[in-house]
């Protein structure tokens, strides 16, 4: 892990709109909101393989995601908005009723193979004693 910080942007995708008929509890929807998109150069720098699990944390919380390479600028990650991203965002809404979902500073690290077996992407990372 490099200790490098990334800017996380979360947003709704067209696929989420298509999945709404299936429901937010469906495995397809859960997989969608548990997938992080990262620039291939950033993935290489962090030692992350496409399809691997990564832990993402901010000052507000942490979650685990599957990581895919995609067309995002270096230093930026994109995650479809959903329950896992909410763990990373603050509770403040600036009066809009929805937390700010863009521009969060986060850190990203690959999840070790043994730990990945115990951690489901989209869920909080287990802590010592849990």
C-alpha atoms as a PDB file:
ATOM      1  CA  UNK A   1       0.000   0.000   0.000  1.00  0.00           C
ATOM      2  CA  UNK A   2       1.342   3.413  -0.946  1.00  0.00           C
ATOM      3  CA  UNK A   3      -0.582   5.563   1.537  1.00  0.00           C
ATOM      4  CA  UNK A   4      -1.799   7.577  -1.437  1.00  0.00           C
ATOM      5  CA  UNK A   5      -5.201   9.188  -1.082  1.00  0.00           C
ATOM      6  CA  UNK A   6      -7.819   9.084  -3.814  1.00  0.00           C
ATOM      7  CA  UNK A   7     -10.867  11.186  -4.532  1.00  0.00           C
ATOM      8  CA  UNK A   8     -14.017   9.073  -4.393  1.00  0.00           C
ATOM      9  CA  UNK A   9     -16.995  10.052  -6.455  1.00  0.00           C
ATOM     10  CA  UNK A  10     -20.224   8.109  -6.036  1.00  0.00           C
ATOM     11  CA  UNK A  11     -23.158   8.461  -8.379  1.00  0.00           C
ATOM     12  CA  UNK A  12     -26.126   6.713  -9.894  1.00  0.00           C
ATOM     13  CA  UNK A  13     -25.510   4.717 -13.045  1.00  0.00           C
ATOM     14  CA  UNK A  14     -27.812   3.823 -15.920  1.00  0.00           C
ATOM     15  CA  UNK A  15     -27.439   0.187 -14.894  1.00  0.00           C
ATOM     16  CA  UNK A  16     -28.858   1.061 -11.476  1.00  0.00           C
ATOM     17  CA  UNK A  17     -31.876   2.536 -13.221  1.00  0.00           C
ATOM     18  CA  UNK A  18     -32.309  -0.661 -15.211  1.00  0.00           C
ATOM     19  CA  UNK A  19     -31.931  -2.794 -12.067  1.00  0.00           C
ATOM     20  CA  UNK A  20     -34.587  -0.929 -10.080  1.00  0.00           C
ATOM     21  CA  UNK A  21     -37.235  -3.291 -11.472  1.00  0.00           C
ATOM     22  CA  UNK A  22     -35.257  -6.227 -10.078  1.00  0.00           C
ATOM     23  CA  UNK A  23     -34.999  -4.582  -6.666  1.00  0.00           C
ATOM     24  CA  UNK A  24     -32.225  -3.299  -4.458  1.00  0.00           C
ATOM     25  CA  UNK A  25     -31.972  -6.591  -2.578  1.00  0.00           C
ATOM     26  CA  UNK A  26     -31.180  -8.574  -5.725  1.00  0.00           C
ATOM     27  CA  UNK A  27     -27.694 -10.063  -6.113  1.00  0.00           C
ATOM     28  CA  UNK A  28     -27.276  -8.115  -9.381  1.00  0.00           C
ATOM     29  CA  UNK A  29     -27.922  -4.770  -7.701  1.00  0.00           C
ATOM     30  CA  UNK A  30     -25.733  -5.627  -4.705  1.00  0.00           C
ATOM     31  CA  UNK A  31     -22.861  -6.595  -7.046  1.00  0.00           C
ATOM     32  CA  UNK A  32     -23.276  -3.310  -8.906  1.00  0.00           C
ATOM     33  CA  UNK A  33     -23.059  -1.095  -5.802  1.00  0.00           C
ATOM     34  CA  UNK A  34     -20.156  -3.170  -4.450  1.00  0.00           C
ATOM     35  CA  UNK A  35     -17.895  -2.570  -7.469  1.00  0.00           C
ATOM     36  CA  UNK A  36     -15.274   0.174  -7.520  1.00  0.00           C
ATOM     37  CA  UNK A  37     -13.832   1.556 -10.771  1.00  0.00           C
ATOM     38  CA  UNK A  38     -10.182   2.629 -10.718  1.00  0.00           C
ATOM     39  CA  UNK A  39      -7.572   3.702 -13.287  1.00  0.00           C
ATOM     40  CA  UNK A  40      -5.288   0.784 -14.311  1.00  0.00           C
ATOM     41  CA  UNK A  41      -2.135   2.735 -13.379  1.00  0.00           C
ATOM     42  CA  UNK A  42      -3.466   3.387  -9.862  1.00  0.00           C
ATOM     43  CA  UNK A  43      -4.365  -0.294  -9.510  1.00  0.00           C
ATOM     44  CA  UNK A  44      -0.854  -1.306 -10.532  1.00  0.00           C
ATOM     45  CA  UNK A  45       0.688   1.178  -8.086  1.00  0.00           C
ATOM     46  CA  UNK A  46      -1.426  -0.226  -5.231  1.00  0.00           C
ATOM     47  CA  UNK A  47      -0.894  -3.881  -6.205  1.00  0.00           C
ATOM     48  CA  UNK A  48      -4.595  -4.401  -6.954  1.00  0.00           C
ATOM     49  CA  UNK A  49      -5.739  -6.958  -9.523  1.00  0.00           C
ATOM     50  CA  UNK A  50      -8.896  -6.455 -11.564  1.00  0.00           C
ATOM     51  CA  UNK A  51     -11.704  -8.385  -9.883  1.00  0.00           C
ATOM     52  CA  UNK A  52      -9.888  -8.415  -6.550  1.00  0.00           C
ATOM     53  CA  UNK A  53     -11.261  -7.091  -3.280  1.00  0.00           C
ATOM     54  CA  UNK A  54     -10.171  -3.749  -1.861  1.00  0.00           C
ATOM     55  CA  UNK A  55     -10.771  -2.015   1.434  1.00  0.00           C
ATOM     56  CA  UNK A  56     -11.691   1.656   1.155  1.00  0.00           C
ATOM     57  CA  UNK A  57     -11.788   3.959   4.147  1.00  0.00           C
ATOM     58  CA  UNK A  58     -12.458   7.597   4.868  1.00  0.00           C
ATOM     59  CA  UNK A  59     -12.667   9.626   8.044  1.00  0.00           C
ATOM     60  CA  UNK A  60     -16.275   8.396   8.344  1.00  0.00           C
ATOM     61  CA  UNK A  61     -15.999   4.640   7.860  1.00  0.00           C
ATOM     62  CA  UNK A  62     -14.873   1.810   5.658  1.00  0.00           C
ATOM     63  CA  UNK A  63     -16.204  -0.838   3.284  1.00  0.00           C
ATOM     64  CA  UNK A  64     -14.935  -3.565   0.966  1.00  0.00           C
ATOM     65  CA  UNK A  65     -15.506  -3.542  -2.797  1.00  0.00           C
ATOM     66  CA  UNK A  66     -14.623  -5.559  -5.876  1.00  0.00           C
ATOM     67  CA  UNK A  67     -12.223  -3.503  -7.995  1.00  0.00           C
ATOM     68  CA  UNK A  68     -12.357  -3.180 -11.785  1.00  0.00           C
ATOM     69  CA  UNK A  69     -10.213  -1.067 -14.045  1.00  0.00           C
ATOM     70  CA  UNK A  70     -12.034   1.583 -15.999  1.00  0.00           C
ATOM     71  CA  UNK A  71     -11.968   4.944 -17.680  1.00  0.00           C
ATOM     72  CA  UNK A  72     -11.527   7.256 -14.728  1.00  0.00           C
ATOM     73  CA  UNK A  73      -8.700   9.770 -14.282  1.00  0.00           C
ATOM     74  CA  UNK A  74      -5.720   8.746 -12.176  1.00  0.00           C
ATOM     75  CA  UNK A  75      -6.247   9.629  -8.528  1.00  0.00           C
ATOM     76  CA  UNK A  76     -10.040   9.231  -8.824  1.00  0.00           C
ATOM     77  CA  UNK A  77     -12.234   6.236  -7.987  1.00  0.00           C
ATOM     78  CA  UNK A  78     -15.879   5.833  -8.931  1.00  0.00           C
ATOM     79  CA  UNK A  79     -18.391   3.697  -7.052  1.00  0.00           C
ATOM     80  CA  UNK A  80     -22.101   3.432  -7.896  1.00  0.00           C
ATOM     81  CA  UNK A  81     -24.042   5.073  -5.074  1.00  0.00           C
ATOM     82  CA  UNK A  82     -25.477   2.592  -2.576  1.00  0.00           C
ATOM     83  CA  UNK A  83     -25.276   1.356   1.017  1.00  0.00           C
ATOM     84  CA  UNK A  84     -21.518   0.623   0.892  1.00  0.00           C
ATOM     85  CA  UNK A  85     -20.676   4.164  -0.252  1.00  0.00           C
ATOM     86  CA  UNK A  86     -22.884   5.583   2.490  1.00  0.00           C
ATOM     87  CA  UNK A  87     -20.501   4.054   5.042  1.00  0.00           C
ATOM     88  CA  UNK A  88     -17.763   6.275   3.593  1.00  0.00           C
ATOM     89  CA  UNK A  89     -19.713   9.534   3.447  1.00  0.00           C
ATOM     90  CA  UNK A  90     -20.487  11.881   6.291  1.00  0.00           C
ATOM     91  CA  UNK A  91     -23.941  12.368   7.739  1.00  0.00           C
ATOM     92  CA  UNK A  92     -24.185  16.042   6.846  1.00  0.00           C
ATOM     93  CA  UNK A  93     -26.524  16.942   4.011  1.00  0.00           C
ATOM     94  CA  UNK A  94     -26.212  20.738   3.861  1.00  0.00           C
ATOM     95  CA  UNK A  95     -30.011  20.831   3.986  1.00  0.00           C
ATOM     96  CA  UNK A  96     -30.523  18.671   0.871  1.00  0.00           C
ATOM     97  CA  UNK A  97     -31.524  15.467   2.665  1.00  0.00           C
ATOM     98  CA  UNK A  98     -28.730  13.491   0.978  1.00  0.00           C
ATOM     99  CA  UNK A  99     -25.058  13.397   1.997  1.00  0.00           C
ATOM    100  CA  UNK A 100     -22.456  14.853  -0.313  1.00  0.00           C
ATOM    101  CA  UNK A 101     -21.389  11.994  -2.593  1.00  0.00           C
ATOM    102  CA  UNK A 102     -18.558  13.635  -4.548  1.00  0.00           C
ATOM    103  CA  UNK A 103     -15.018  14.550  -3.662  1.00  0.00           C
ATOM    104  CA  UNK A 104     -14.432  12.368  -0.594  1.00  0.00           C
ATOM    105  CA  UNK A 105     -10.785  11.743   0.215  1.00  0.00           C
ATOM    106  CA  UNK A 106     -10.258   8.016   0.772  1.00  0.00           C
ATOM    107  CA  UNK A 107      -7.506   5.434   0.982  1.00  0.00           C
ATOM    108  CA  UNK A 108      -7.601   2.147  -0.901  1.00  0.00           C
ATOM    109  CA  UNK A 109      -5.724  -1.089  -0.249  1.00  0.00           C
ATOM    110  CA  UNK A 110      -5.986  -4.625  -1.578  1.00  0.00           C
ATOM    111  CA  UNK A 111      -7.577  -7.146   0.763  1.00  0.00           C
ATOM    112  CA  UNK A 112      -5.273 -10.103   1.411  1.00  0.00           C
ATOM    113  CA  UNK A 113      -6.486 -13.364  -0.120  1.00  0.00           C
ATOM    114  CA  UNK A 114      -7.218 -15.010   3.258  1.00  0.00           C
ATOM    115  CA  UNK A 115      -9.038 -11.933   4.545  1.00  0.00           C
ATOM    116  CA  UNK A 116     -11.106 -11.694   1.345  1.00  0.00           C
ATOM    117  CA  UNK A 117     -12.678 -15.053   2.194  1.00  0.00           C
ATOM    118  CA  UNK A 118     -14.043 -13.551   5.421  1.00  0.00           C
ATOM    119  CA  UNK A 119     -15.149 -10.201   3.991  1.00  0.00           C
ATOM    120  CA  UNK A 120     -18.101  -9.719   1.681  1.00  0.00           C
ATOM    121  CA  UNK A 121     -17.721  -6.756  -0.687  1.00  0.00           C
ATOM    122  CA  UNK A 122     -20.128  -4.010   0.200  1.00  0.00           C
ATOM    123  CA  UNK A 123     -19.997  -4.781   3.897  1.00  0.00           C
ATOM    124  CA  UNK A 124     -17.969  -3.267   6.669  1.00  0.00           C
ATOM    125  CA  UNK A 125     -14.556  -4.744   7.249  1.00  0.00           C
ATOM    126  CA  UNK A 126     -14.418  -7.012  10.310  1.00  0.00           C
ATOM    127  CA  UNK A 127     -12.348  -5.592  13.139  1.00  0.00           C
ATOM    128  CA  UNK A 128     -10.310  -7.388  15.747  1.00  0.00           C
ATOM    129  CA  UNK A 129     -12.550  -9.241  18.168  1.00  0.00           C
ATOM    130  CA  UNK A 130     -15.572  -9.342  15.854  1.00  0.00           C
END
